[in-house]
Amino acid sequence: MNGLRVLELSEALNVDNSDLLAVCAILKIKATSRLSLLSFEECKKLTDYYENKN
């Protein structure tokens, strides 16, 4: 497995997948749907974003 789908990461972070896709756009991560595959590096960036947000 090379990473997680947007849907899986949004469930793990307990956020709506549309919110996660919006953050992907902010961070310039190419994800266009809830089924888009994210690399582990991209997952780390998104996780860090949400941890720093709170």
Protein backbone atom coordinates (compact mmCIF):
# COMPACT_ATOMS: atom_id res chain seq x y z
CA MET A 1 0.00 0.00 0.00
CA ASN A 2 1.39 3.39 -1.01
CA GLY A 3 -0.75 5.67 1.14
CA LEU A 4 -4.33 6.44 2.07
CA ARG A 5 -7.36 7.63 0.18
CA VAL A 6 -8.78 11.04 1.07
CA LEU A 7 -11.81 9.27 2.53
CA GLU A 8 -9.68 7.10 4.83
CA LEU A 9 -7.59 10.01 6.07
CA SER A 10 -10.64 12.19 6.68
CA GLU A 11 -12.14 9.41 8.82
CA ALA A 12 -8.88 9.04 10.74
CA LEU A 13 -8.68 12.80 11.36
CA ASN A 14 -12.42 13.02 12.08
CA VAL A 15 -12.98 15.76 9.49
CA ASP A 16 -15.32 16.01 6.52
CA ASN A 17 -13.70 14.81 3.29
CA SER A 18 -14.71 18.02 1.49
CA ASP A 19 -12.83 20.01 4.16
CA LEU A 20 -9.80 17.78 3.67
CA LEU A 21 -9.95 18.32 -0.10
CA ALA A 22 -10.02 22.09 0.51
CA VAL A 23 -6.90 21.80 2.67
CA CYS A 24 -5.28 19.74 -0.10
CA ALA A 25 -5.84 22.69 -2.43
CA ILE A 26 -4.31 25.09 0.11
CA LEU A 27 -1.26 22.86 0.50
CA LYS A 28 -1.04 22.28 -3.28
CA ILE A 29 -1.66 18.55 -2.96
CA LYS A 30 -3.26 17.09 -6.08
CA ALA A 31 -6.42 15.42 -4.81
CA THR A 32 -9.64 15.84 -6.73
CA SER A 33 -12.06 13.45 -5.03
CA ARG A 34 -12.58 11.46 -1.86
CA LEU A 35 -11.09 8.45 -3.65
CA SER A 36 -7.83 10.20 -4.58
CA LEU A 37 -4.77 8.40 -3.24
CA LEU A 38 -2.46 10.36 -0.95
CA SER A 39 1.16 9.42 -0.38
CA PHE A 40 2.42 8.98 3.17
CA GLU A 41 4.28 12.29 2.82
CA GLU A 42 1.07 14.07 1.82
CA CYS A 43 -0.79 12.41 4.71
CA LYS A 44 1.90 13.71 7.08
CA LYS A 45 1.53 17.26 5.72
CA LEU A 46 -2.24 17.13 6.15
CA THR A 47 -2.00 15.62 9.63
CA ASP A 48 0.50 18.31 10.67
CA TYR A 49 -1.82 21.00 9.29
CA TYR A 50 -4.72 19.81 11.43
CA GLU A 51 -2.53 19.35 14.53
CA ASN A 52 -1.16 22.90 14.21
CA LYS A 53 -4.64 24.28 13.57
CA ASN A 54 -5.87 23.17 17.01
